Amino acid sequence: MPEYQPFVTIDVWTMVFAWGNLIILFLFLKKILFVPLKNIIDQRQKQIKDMYDEAQSDKEAAASMRVEYEQKLAEASAQGDEIIRSAVARAHKQEEDIIREANETAAKNLRRADEQIEMEKKKALNQIKDEVSSMAVDIASAVIEKNLTAEDNREIIDRFIGQLGDEK
């Protein structure tokens, strides 16, 4: 077994070389493989964190926009209500104006009608006076049987009309 002994024995220099090779391999792999891999992982984590931050800010912006749109919607609703109120107020004012104008027009028409009635009364009264005076002249001339002068006729007519006016 002495020939197999170098395989089974612990040789310190072989162990030092093995450990040295292992450390060199580790440092080599760390420099070439681990550092770039760690940088890639860090970049990926940063990208993911940025995406989450962006998503969160987008969510907050959307929430603030929603509040803003709700406020604008409420304002628009209030403006719509105000427009409706002002339109109703204008309609009521127009209604009052139309009614007032109609009343004024009716009052004018009534005054005109009253004036026309009064004029027609006066006209009819004057016509009746003319007819009565002509009848009075005829009766007077028949009673007196003489032809009166125009001035005599006028005096008789004026007296007769005066008596008619006093009776009314």
N, C-alpha and C. Protein backbone atom coordinates (compact mmCIF):
# COMPACT_ATOMS: atom_id res chain seq x y z
N MET A 1 0.77 -1.15 0.00
CA MET A 1 0.00 0.00 0.00
C MET A 1 0.84 1.26 0.00
N PRO A 2 2.00 1.11 0.19
CA PRO A 2 2.81 2.29 0.12
C PRO A 2 2.71 2.97 -1.24
N GLU A 3 2.44 2.26 -2.24
CA GLU A 3 2.34 2.92 -3.53
C GLU A 3 1.06 3.74 -3.67
N TYR A 4 0.11 3.38 -2.92
CA TYR A 4 -1.13 4.15 -2.97
C TYR A 4 -1.18 5.25 -1.91
N GLN A 5 -0.22 5.26 -1.15
CA GLN A 5 -0.20 6.20 -0.05
C GLN A 5 -0.19 7.66 -0.54
N PRO A 6 0.52 8.04 -1.56
CA PRO A 6 0.47 9.45 -1.97
C PRO A 6 -0.94 9.87 -2.38
N PHE A 7 -1.79 8.94 -2.73
CA PHE A 7 -3.16 9.31 -3.09
C PHE A 7 -4.02 9.57 -1.86
N VAL A 8 -3.73 8.92 -0.80
CA VAL A 8 -4.55 8.98 0.38
C VAL A 8 -3.97 9.99 1.38
N THR A 9 -2.81 10.34 1.32
CA THR A 9 -2.21 11.21 2.32
C THR A 9 -2.58 12.66 2.04
N ILE A 10 -2.43 13.46 3.05
CA ILE A 10 -2.74 14.88 2.94
C ILE A 10 -1.43 15.59 2.72
N ASP A 11 -1.35 16.21 1.58
CA ASP A 11 -0.16 16.97 1.26
C ASP A 11 -0.51 18.45 1.42
N VAL A 12 0.24 19.15 2.22
CA VAL A 12 -0.06 20.53 2.57
C VAL A 12 0.11 21.41 1.34
N TRP A 13 1.15 21.20 0.56
CA TRP A 13 1.38 22.06 -0.61
C TRP A 13 0.29 21.86 -1.65
N THR A 14 -0.22 20.74 -1.80
CA THR A 14 -1.30 20.51 -2.75
C THR A 14 -2.55 21.22 -2.26
N MET A 15 -2.74 21.15 -0.97
CA MET A 15 -3.90 21.82 -0.41
C MET A 15 -3.78 23.34 -0.56
N VAL A 16 -2.63 23.89 -0.36
CA VAL A 16 -2.40 25.34 -0.51
C VAL A 16 -2.64 25.72 -1.96
N PHE A 17 -2.11 24.94 -2.90
CA PHE A 17 -2.32 25.24 -4.32
C PHE A 17 -3.81 25.13 -4.68
N ALA A 18 -4.49 24.16 -4.16
CA ALA A 18 -5.91 23.99 -4.44
C ALA A 18 -6.70 25.17 -3.89
N TRP A 19 -6.38 25.53 -2.64
CA TRP A 19 -7.06 26.70 -2.06
C TRP A 19 -6.70 27.97 -2.84
N GLY A 20 -5.50 28.11 -3.25
CA GLY A 20 -5.08 29.28 -4.03
C GLY A 20 -5.81 29.33 -5.35
N ASN A 21 -5.88 28.15 -6.03
CA ASN A 21 -6.62 28.08 -7.29
C ASN A 21 -8.10 28.44 -7.08
N LEU A 22 -8.65 27.96 -5.99
CA LEU A 22 -10.04 28.24 -5.68
C LEU A 22 -10.25 29.74 -5.44
N ILE A 23 -9.35 30.38 -4.72
CA ILE A 23 -9.47 31.83 -4.45
C ILE A 23 -9.28 32.60 -5.74
N ILE A 24 -8.35 32.22 -6.57
CA ILE A 24 -8.12 32.90 -7.85
C ILE A 24 -9.34 32.74 -8.75
N LEU A 25 -9.86 31.50 -8.80
CA LEU A 25 -11.06 31.24 -9.59
C LEU A 25 -12.23 32.07 -9.07
N PHE A 26 -12.36 32.15 -7.76
CA PHE A 26 -13.44 32.94 -7.15
C PHE A 26 -13.30 34.42 -7.51
N LEU A 27 -12.07 34.98 -7.36
CA LEU A 27 -11.85 36.38 -7.69
C LEU A 27 -12.06 36.64 -9.18
N PHE A 28 -11.60 35.72 -10.00
CA PHE A 28 -11.78 35.85 -11.44
C PHE A 28 -13.27 35.84 -11.80
N LEU A 29 -14.01 34.87 -11.26
CA LEU A 29 -15.44 34.79 -11.55
C LEU A 29 -16.19 36.00 -10.96
N LYS A 30 -15.72 36.44 -9.79
CA LYS A 30 -16.36 37.60 -9.18
C LYS A 30 -16.16 38.81 -10.08
N LYS A 31 -14.98 39.02 -10.60
CA LYS A 31 -14.69 40.18 -11.45
C LYS A 31 -15.42 40.08 -12.77
N ILE A 32 -15.46 38.93 -13.37
CA ILE A 32 -16.02 38.78 -14.71
C ILE A 32 -17.52 38.45 -14.66
N LEU A 33 -17.96 37.67 -13.71
CA LEU A 33 -19.32 37.18 -13.72
C LEU A 33 -20.20 37.83 -12.65
N PHE A 34 -19.77 37.85 -11.42
CA PHE A 34 -20.63 38.31 -10.33
C PHE A 34 -20.88 39.82 -10.38
N VAL A 35 -19.86 40.63 -10.63
CA VAL A 35 -20.04 42.09 -10.64
C VAL A 35 -20.97 42.51 -11.78
N PRO A 36 -20.78 42.07 -13.03
CA PRO A 36 -21.72 42.46 -14.08
C PRO A 36 -23.14 41.91 -13.82
N LEU A 37 -23.20 40.68 -13.28
CA LEU A 37 -24.50 40.10 -12.98
C LEU A 37 -25.19 40.91 -11.89
N LYS A 38 -24.42 41.31 -10.88
CA LYS A 38 -24.99 42.14 -9.81
C LYS A 38 -25.43 43.49 -10.37
N ASN A 39 -24.64 44.08 -11.27
CA ASN A 39 -25.03 45.35 -11.90
C ASN A 39 -26.33 45.20 -12.70
N ILE A 40 -26.45 44.12 -13.43
CA ILE A 40 -27.66 43.85 -14.20
C ILE A 40 -28.86 43.70 -13.27
N ILE A 41 -28.68 42.96 -12.18
CA ILE A 41 -29.77 42.77 -11.21
C ILE A 41 -30.14 44.11 -10.58
N ASP A 42 -29.12 44.93 -10.23
CA ASP A 42 -29.39 46.25 -9.63
C ASP A 42 -30.15 47.15 -10.61
N GLN A 43 -29.74 47.12 -11.88
CA GLN A 43 -30.44 47.92 -12.89
C GLN A 43 -31.89 47.47 -13.05
N ARG A 44 -32.07 46.17 -13.07
CA ARG A 44 -33.42 45.62 -13.20
C ARG A 44 -34.28 46.00 -11.99
N GLN A 45 -33.68 45.91 -10.80
CA GLN A 45 -34.42 46.32 -9.59
C GLN A 45 -34.76 47.80 -9.64
N LYS A 46 -33.81 48.62 -10.13
CA LYS A 46 -34.06 50.06 -10.26
C LYS A 46 -35.18 50.31 -11.26
N GLN A 47 -35.18 49.59 -12.38
CA GLN A 47 -36.25 49.74 -13.37
C GLN A 47 -37.60 49.36 -12.78
N ILE A 48 -37.63 48.26 -12.04
CA ILE A 48 -38.88 47.81 -11.42
C ILE A 48 -39.35 48.84 -10.41
N LYS A 49 -38.41 49.36 -9.59
CA LYS A 49 -38.77 50.38 -8.60
C LYS A 49 -39.27 51.64 -9.30
N ASP A 50 -38.62 52.05 -10.38
CA ASP A 50 -39.07 53.21 -11.15
C ASP A 50 -40.46 52.99 -11.73
N MET A 51 -40.71 51.77 -12.22
CA MET A 51 -42.03 51.46 -12.77
C MET A 51 -43.09 51.54 -11.68
N TYR A 52 -42.79 50.99 -10.50
CA TYR A 52 -43.74 51.07 -9.39
C TYR A 52 -43.97 52.52 -8.96
N ASP A 53 -42.88 53.30 -8.89
CA ASP A 53 -43.01 54.71 -8.52
C ASP A 53 -43.84 55.47 -9.56
N GLU A 54 -43.58 55.20 -10.83
CA GLU A 54 -44.34 55.85 -11.90
C GLU A 54 -45.81 55.45 -11.86
N ALA A 55 -46.04 54.15 -11.62
CA ALA A 55 -47.42 53.68 -11.51
C ALA A 55 -48.12 54.34 -10.33
N GLN A 56 -47.40 54.48 -9.22
CA GLN A 56 -47.98 55.13 -8.04
C GLN A 56 -48.28 56.61 -8.33
N SER A 57 -47.33 57.30 -8.98
CA SER A 57 -47.56 58.71 -9.30
C SER A 57 -48.70 58.86 -10.30
N ASP A 58 -48.79 57.92 -11.27
CA ASP A 58 -49.90 57.94 -12.22
C ASP A 58 -51.23 57.72 -11.50
N LYS A 59 -51.21 56.82 -10.53
CA LYS A 59 -52.41 56.54 -9.75
C LYS A 59 -52.82 57.79 -8.97
N GLU A 60 -51.85 58.45 -8.34
CA GLU A 60 -52.14 59.67 -7.59
C GLU A 60 -52.63 60.78 -8.52
N ALA A 61 -51.99 60.90 -9.70
CA ALA A 61 -52.42 61.91 -10.68
C ALA A 61 -53.84 61.61 -11.15
N ALA A 62 -54.13 60.34 -11.38
CA ALA A 62 -55.48 59.97 -11.80
C ALA A 62 -56.49 60.29 -10.71
N ALA A 63 -56.12 60.06 -9.46
CA ALA A 63 -57.03 60.38 -8.36
C ALA A 63 -57.26 61.88 -8.27
N SER A 64 -56.19 62.66 -8.42
CA SER A 64 -56.35 64.12 -8.36
C SER A 64 -57.15 64.62 -9.57
N MET A 65 -56.93 64.01 -10.74
CA MET A 65 -57.70 64.39 -11.92
C MET A 65 -59.18 64.03 -11.73
N ARG A 66 -59.42 62.90 -11.08
CA ARG A 66 -60.80 62.50 -10.83
C ARG A 66 -61.49 63.51 -9.91
N VAL A 67 -60.77 63.93 -8.86
CA VAL A 67 -61.33 64.94 -7.95
C VAL A 67 -61.57 66.24 -8.72
N GLU A 68 -60.60 66.62 -9.56
CA GLU A 68 -60.73 67.85 -10.35
C GLU A 68 -61.92 67.75 -11.30
N TYR A 69 -62.07 66.61 -11.98
CA TYR A 69 -63.19 66.44 -12.90
C TYR A 69 -64.52 66.43 -12.16
N GLU A 70 -64.55 65.85 -10.97
CA GLU A 70 -65.78 65.86 -10.18
C GLU A 70 -66.13 67.29 -9.77
N GLN A 71 -65.10 68.08 -9.42
CA GLN A 71 -65.34 69.49 -9.08
C GLN A 71 -65.86 70.24 -10.31
N LYS A 72 -65.22 70.00 -11.45
CA LYS A 72 -65.67 70.67 -12.67
C LYS A 72 -67.08 70.25 -13.04
N LEU A 73 -67.39 68.97 -12.84
CA LEU A 73 -68.74 68.48 -13.12
C LEU A 73 -69.75 69.15 -12.19
N ALA A 74 -69.37 69.29 -10.92
CA ALA A 74 -70.26 69.98 -9.96
C ALA A 74 -70.43 71.44 -10.36
N GLU A 75 -69.33 72.08 -10.78
CA GLU A 75 -69.41 73.48 -11.22
C GLU A 75 -70.29 73.60 -12.46
N ALA A 76 -70.12 72.67 -13.40
CA ALA A 76 -70.93 72.69 -14.62
C ALA A 76 -72.40 72.48 -14.27
N SER A 77 -72.66 71.59 -13.34
CA SER A 77 -74.04 71.37 -12.90
C SER A 77 -74.60 72.63 -12.26
N ALA A 78 -73.79 73.27 -11.43
CA ALA A 78 -74.23 74.52 -10.78
C ALA A 78 -74.47 75.60 -11.83
N GLN A 79 -73.58 75.68 -12.82
CA GLN A 79 -73.77 76.66 -13.90
C GLN A 79 -75.03 76.36 -14.68
N GLY A 80 -75.27 75.08 -14.95
CA GLY A 80 -76.49 74.69 -15.65
C GLY A 80 -77.72 75.08 -14.86
N ASP A 81 -77.68 74.85 -13.54
CA ASP A 81 -78.81 75.24 -12.69
C ASP A 81 -78.99 76.76 -12.72
N GLU A 82 -77.88 77.50 -12.68
CA GLU A 82 -77.96 78.96 -12.71
C GLU A 82 -78.53 79.44 -14.05
N ILE A 83 -78.11 78.81 -15.13
CA ILE A 83 -78.62 79.18 -16.45
C ILE A 83 -80.12 78.92 -16.51
N ILE A 84 -80.54 77.79 -15.97
CA ILE A 84 -81.97 77.46 -15.97
C ILE A 84 -82.73 78.48 -15.13
N ARG A 85 -82.18 78.81 -13.94
CA ARG A 85 -82.85 79.79 -13.09
C ARG A 85 -82.96 81.16 -13.79
N SER A 86 -81.87 81.57 -14.44
CA SER A 86 -81.92 82.88 -15.11
C SER A 86 -82.89 82.84 -16.29
N ALA A 87 -82.94 81.71 -17.01
CA ALA A 87 -83.88 81.59 -18.12
C ALA A 87 -85.32 81.64 -17.62
N VAL A 88 -85.57 80.98 -16.50
CA VAL A 88 -86.92 81.01 -15.92
C VAL A 88 -87.26 82.44 -15.47
N ALA A 89 -86.28 83.11 -14.86
CA ALA A 89 -86.51 84.50 -14.41
C ALA A 89 -86.80 85.40 -15.61
N ARG A 90 -86.02 85.22 -16.70
CA ARG A 90 -86.26 86.02 -17.90
C ARG A 90 -87.64 85.72 -18.47
N ALA A 91 -88.03 84.44 -18.47
CA ALA A 91 -89.34 84.07 -18.99
C ALA A 91 -90.45 84.71 -18.16
N HIS A 92 -90.28 84.71 -16.83
CA HIS A 92 -91.28 85.35 -15.97
C HIS A 92 -91.34 86.86 -16.24
N LYS A 93 -90.18 87.46 -16.42
CA LYS A 93 -90.14 88.90 -16.69
C LYS A 93 -90.81 89.19 -18.03
N GLN A 94 -90.53 88.36 -19.05
CA GLN A 94 -91.17 88.55 -20.34
C GLN A 94 -92.68 88.36 -20.22
N GLU A 95 -93.07 87.37 -19.44
CA GLU A 95 -94.50 87.13 -19.23
C GLU A 95 -95.14 88.36 -18.59
N GLU A 96 -94.49 88.92 -17.56
CA GLU A 96 -95.03 90.11 -16.90
C GLU A 96 -95.08 91.29 -17.87
N ASP A 97 -94.02 91.44 -18.69
CA ASP A 97 -93.99 92.53 -19.67
C ASP A 97 -95.13 92.37 -20.68
N ILE A 98 -95.33 91.14 -21.16
CA ILE A 98 -96.39 90.90 -22.15
C ILE A 98 -97.76 91.19 -21.53
N ILE A 99 -97.96 90.73 -20.30
CA ILE A 99 -99.24 90.98 -19.63
C ILE A 99 -99.44 92.47 -19.41
N ARG A 100 -98.39 93.16 -18.97
CA ARG A 100 -98.49 94.60 -18.75
C ARG A 100 -98.81 95.32 -20.06
N GLU A 101 -98.13 94.95 -21.15
CA GLU A 101 -98.40 95.57 -22.45
C GLU A 101 -99.83 95.29 -22.90
N ALA A 102 -100.28 94.05 -22.69
CA ALA A 102 -101.65 93.70 -23.07
C ALA A 102 -102.65 94.52 -22.26
N ASN A 103 -102.39 94.68 -20.97
CA ASN A 103 -103.28 95.50 -20.13
C ASN A 103 -103.28 96.95 -20.58
N GLU A 104 -102.09 97.46 -20.90
CA GLU A 104 -102.00 98.84 -21.36
C GLU A 104 -102.75 99.02 -22.68
N THR A 105 -102.56 98.05 -23.59
CA THR A 105 -103.24 98.12 -24.88
C THR A 105 -104.76 98.03 -24.68
N ALA A 106 -105.19 97.14 -23.80
CA ALA A 106 -106.62 97.02 -23.54
C ALA A 106 -107.17 98.31 -22.94
N ALA A 107 -106.39 98.91 -22.02
CA ALA A 107 -106.84 100.17 -21.42
C ALA A 107 -106.93 101.27 -22.47
N LYS A 108 -105.93 101.34 -23.38
CA LYS A 108 -105.98 102.34 -24.46
C LYS A 108 -107.20 102.11 -25.34
N ASN A 109 -107.43 100.82 -25.68
CA ASN A 109 -108.58 100.52 -26.53
C ASN A 109 -109.88 100.89 -25.83
N LEU A 110 -109.96 100.64 -24.52
CA LEU A 110 -111.16 101.03 -23.77
C LEU A 110 -111.34 102.54 -23.76
N ARG A 111 -110.25 103.27 -23.55
CA ARG A 111 -110.33 104.75 -23.56
C ARG A 111 -110.78 105.24 -24.93
N ARG A 112 -110.19 104.65 -25.99
CA ARG A 112 -110.59 105.06 -27.35
C ARG A 112 -112.06 104.75 -27.59
N ALA A 113 -112.47 103.53 -27.14
CA ALA A 113 -113.87 103.16 -27.32
C ALA A 113 -114.77 104.12 -26.55
N ASP A 114 -114.38 104.46 -25.30
CA ASP A 114 -115.17 105.42 -24.53
C ASP A 114 -115.23 106.78 -25.23
N GLU A 115 -114.09 107.21 -25.77
CA GLU A 115 -114.06 108.49 -26.48
C GLU A 115 -114.95 108.44 -27.72
N GLN A 116 -114.88 107.31 -28.45
CA GLN A 116 -115.71 107.18 -29.65
C GLN A 116 -117.19 107.15 -29.27
N ILE A 117 -117.49 106.44 -28.17
CA ILE A 117 -118.89 106.40 -27.71
C ILE A 117 -119.35 107.81 -27.35
N GLU A 118 -118.50 108.54 -26.64
CA GLU A 118 -118.84 109.91 -26.25
C GLU A 118 -119.03 110.78 -27.48
N MET A 119 -118.14 110.61 -28.47
CA MET A 119 -118.26 111.40 -29.70
C MET A 119 -119.55 111.03 -30.44
N GLU A 120 -119.86 109.73 -30.50
CA GLU A 120 -121.08 109.28 -31.16
C GLU A 120 -122.31 109.83 -30.43
N LYS A 121 -122.25 109.86 -29.09
CA LYS A 121 -123.35 110.43 -28.32
C LYS A 121 -123.55 111.90 -28.69
N LYS A 122 -122.43 112.63 -28.70
CA LYS A 122 -122.52 114.06 -29.03
C LYS A 122 -123.05 114.25 -30.44
N LYS A 123 -122.54 113.41 -31.36
CA LYS A 123 -122.98 113.51 -32.74
C LYS A 123 -124.48 113.23 -32.83
N ALA A 124 -124.90 112.15 -32.16
CA ALA A 124 -126.33 111.80 -32.19
C ALA A 124 -127.15 112.90 -31.54
N LEU A 125 -126.66 113.46 -30.43
CA LEU A 125 -127.37 114.54 -29.76
C LEU A 125 -127.47 115.76 -30.66
N ASN A 126 -126.36 116.08 -31.32
CA ASN A 126 -126.39 117.21 -32.26
C ASN A 126 -127.36 116.95 -33.41
N GLN A 127 -127.37 115.71 -33.89
CA GLN A 127 -128.29 115.35 -34.97
C GLN A 127 -129.74 115.50 -34.51
N ILE A 128 -129.99 115.00 -33.30
CA ILE A 128 -131.34 115.11 -32.74
C ILE A 128 -131.70 116.58 -32.56
N LYS A 129 -130.75 117.39 -32.08
CA LYS A 129 -131.01 118.82 -31.91
C LYS A 129 -131.32 119.47 -33.24
N ASP A 130 -130.54 119.06 -34.28
CA ASP A 130 -130.80 119.63 -35.61
C ASP A 130 -132.19 119.24 -36.10
N GLU A 131 -132.55 117.97 -35.91
CA GLU A 131 -133.88 117.51 -36.36
C GLU A 131 -134.98 118.21 -35.56
N VAL A 132 -134.77 118.30 -34.24
CA VAL A 132 -135.77 118.96 -33.39
C VAL A 132 -135.89 120.43 -33.78
N SER A 133 -134.76 121.07 -34.03
CA SER A 133 -134.83 122.48 -34.39
C SER A 133 -135.51 122.67 -35.75
N SER A 134 -135.26 121.75 -36.67
CA SER A 134 -135.94 121.90 -37.96
C SER A 134 -137.43 121.65 -37.79
N MET A 135 -137.80 120.68 -36.91
CA MET A 135 -139.21 120.43 -36.64
C MET A 135 -139.82 121.64 -35.91
N ALA A 136 -139.05 122.23 -35.02
CA ALA A 136 -139.56 123.38 -34.27
C ALA A 136 -139.81 124.55 -35.22
N VAL A 137 -138.91 124.70 -36.20
CA VAL A 137 -139.09 125.78 -37.18
C VAL A 137 -140.35 125.51 -37.99
N ASP A 138 -140.52 124.27 -38.39
CA ASP A 138 -141.71 123.93 -39.18
C ASP A 138 -142.97 124.17 -38.36
N ILE A 139 -142.94 123.75 -37.10
CA ILE A 139 -144.12 123.94 -36.24
C ILE A 139 -144.36 125.42 -36.01
N ALA A 140 -143.31 126.16 -35.74
CA ALA A 140 -143.46 127.59 -35.47
C ALA A 140 -143.99 128.31 -36.70
N SER A 141 -143.48 127.95 -37.86
CA SER A 141 -143.95 128.62 -39.07
C SER A 141 -145.39 128.24 -39.36
N ALA A 142 -145.76 127.03 -39.00
CA ALA A 142 -147.15 126.63 -39.22
C ALA A 142 -148.04 127.35 -38.23
N VAL A 143 -147.58 127.56 -37.01
CA VAL A 143 -148.39 128.22 -35.99
C VAL A 143 -148.50 129.70 -36.33
N ILE A 144 -147.47 130.28 -36.64
CA ILE A 144 -147.48 131.72 -36.90
C ILE A 144 -148.00 131.97 -38.30
N GLU A 145 -147.85 131.10 -39.15
CA GLU A 145 -148.22 131.16 -40.54
C GLU A 145 -147.61 132.36 -41.22
N LYS A 146 -146.58 132.64 -40.84
CA LYS A 146 -145.85 133.68 -41.54
C LYS A 146 -144.42 133.20 -41.67
N ASN A 147 -143.74 133.73 -42.56
CA ASN A 147 -142.37 133.32 -42.81
C ASN A 147 -141.46 134.19 -41.96
N LEU A 148 -140.70 133.54 -41.15
CA LEU A 148 -139.80 134.25 -40.27
C LEU A 148 -138.48 134.48 -40.98
N THR A 149 -137.79 135.48 -40.54
CA THR A 149 -136.47 135.75 -41.10
C THR A 149 -135.49 134.76 -40.51
N ALA A 150 -134.34 134.69 -41.08
CA ALA A 150 -133.31 133.75 -40.63
C ALA A 150 -132.90 134.07 -39.21
N GLU A 151 -132.86 135.34 -38.87
CA GLU A 151 -132.48 135.72 -37.52
C GLU A 151 -133.56 135.34 -36.52
N ASP A 152 -134.79 135.47 -36.87
CA ASP A 152 -135.89 135.04 -36.00
C ASP A 152 -135.84 133.54 -35.80
N ASN A 153 -135.56 132.83 -36.88
CA ASN A 153 -135.44 131.35 -36.79
C ASN A 153 -134.31 130.96 -35.83
N ARG A 154 -133.25 131.67 -35.92
CA ARG A 154 -132.10 131.36 -35.09
C ARG A 154 -132.41 131.59 -33.62
N GLU A 155 -133.07 132.65 -33.31
CA GLU A 155 -133.44 132.95 -31.93
C GLU A 155 -134.37 131.89 -31.37
N ILE A 156 -135.35 131.52 -32.14
CA ILE A 156 -136.31 130.50 -31.70
C ILE A 156 -135.60 129.18 -31.49
N ILE A 157 -134.73 128.85 -32.39
CA ILE A 157 -133.98 127.58 -32.31
C ILE A 157 -133.08 127.59 -31.08
N ASP A 158 -132.40 128.69 -30.86
CA ASP A 158 -131.49 128.76 -29.71
C ASP A 158 -132.26 128.64 -28.41
N ARG A 159 -133.41 129.29 -28.32
CA ARG A 159 -134.23 129.18 -27.13
C ARG A 159 -134.70 127.74 -26.93
N PHE A 160 -135.14 127.14 -28.00
CA PHE A 160 -135.66 125.77 -27.94
C PHE A 160 -134.53 124.80 -27.51
N ILE A 161 -133.37 124.97 -28.09
CA ILE A 161 -132.23 124.11 -27.75
C ILE A 161 -131.82 124.36 -26.31
N GLY A 162 -131.87 125.58 -25.91
CA GLY A 162 -131.54 125.88 -24.53
C GLY A 162 -132.50 125.19 -23.57
N GLN A 163 -133.78 125.18 -23.93
CA GLN A 163 -134.75 124.50 -23.10
C GLN A 163 -134.51 122.99 -23.10
N LEU A 164 -134.13 122.43 -24.25
CA LEU A 164 -133.85 120.99 -24.33
C LEU A 164 -132.62 120.65 -23.49
N GLY A 165 -131.59 121.50 -23.56
CA GLY A 165 -130.38 121.26 -22.78
C GLY A 165 -130.65 121.36 -21.31
N ASP A 166 -131.57 122.24 -20.87
CA ASP A 166 -131.89 122.36 -19.46
C ASP A 166 -132.66 121.16 -18.95
N GLU A 167 -133.43 120.52 -19.78
CA GLU A 167 -134.22 119.37 -19.39
C GLU A 167 -133.33 118.17 -19.12
N LYS A 168 -132.26 118.04 -19.80
CA LYS A 168 -131.39 116.89 -19.64
C LYS A 168 -130.48 117.16 -18.53
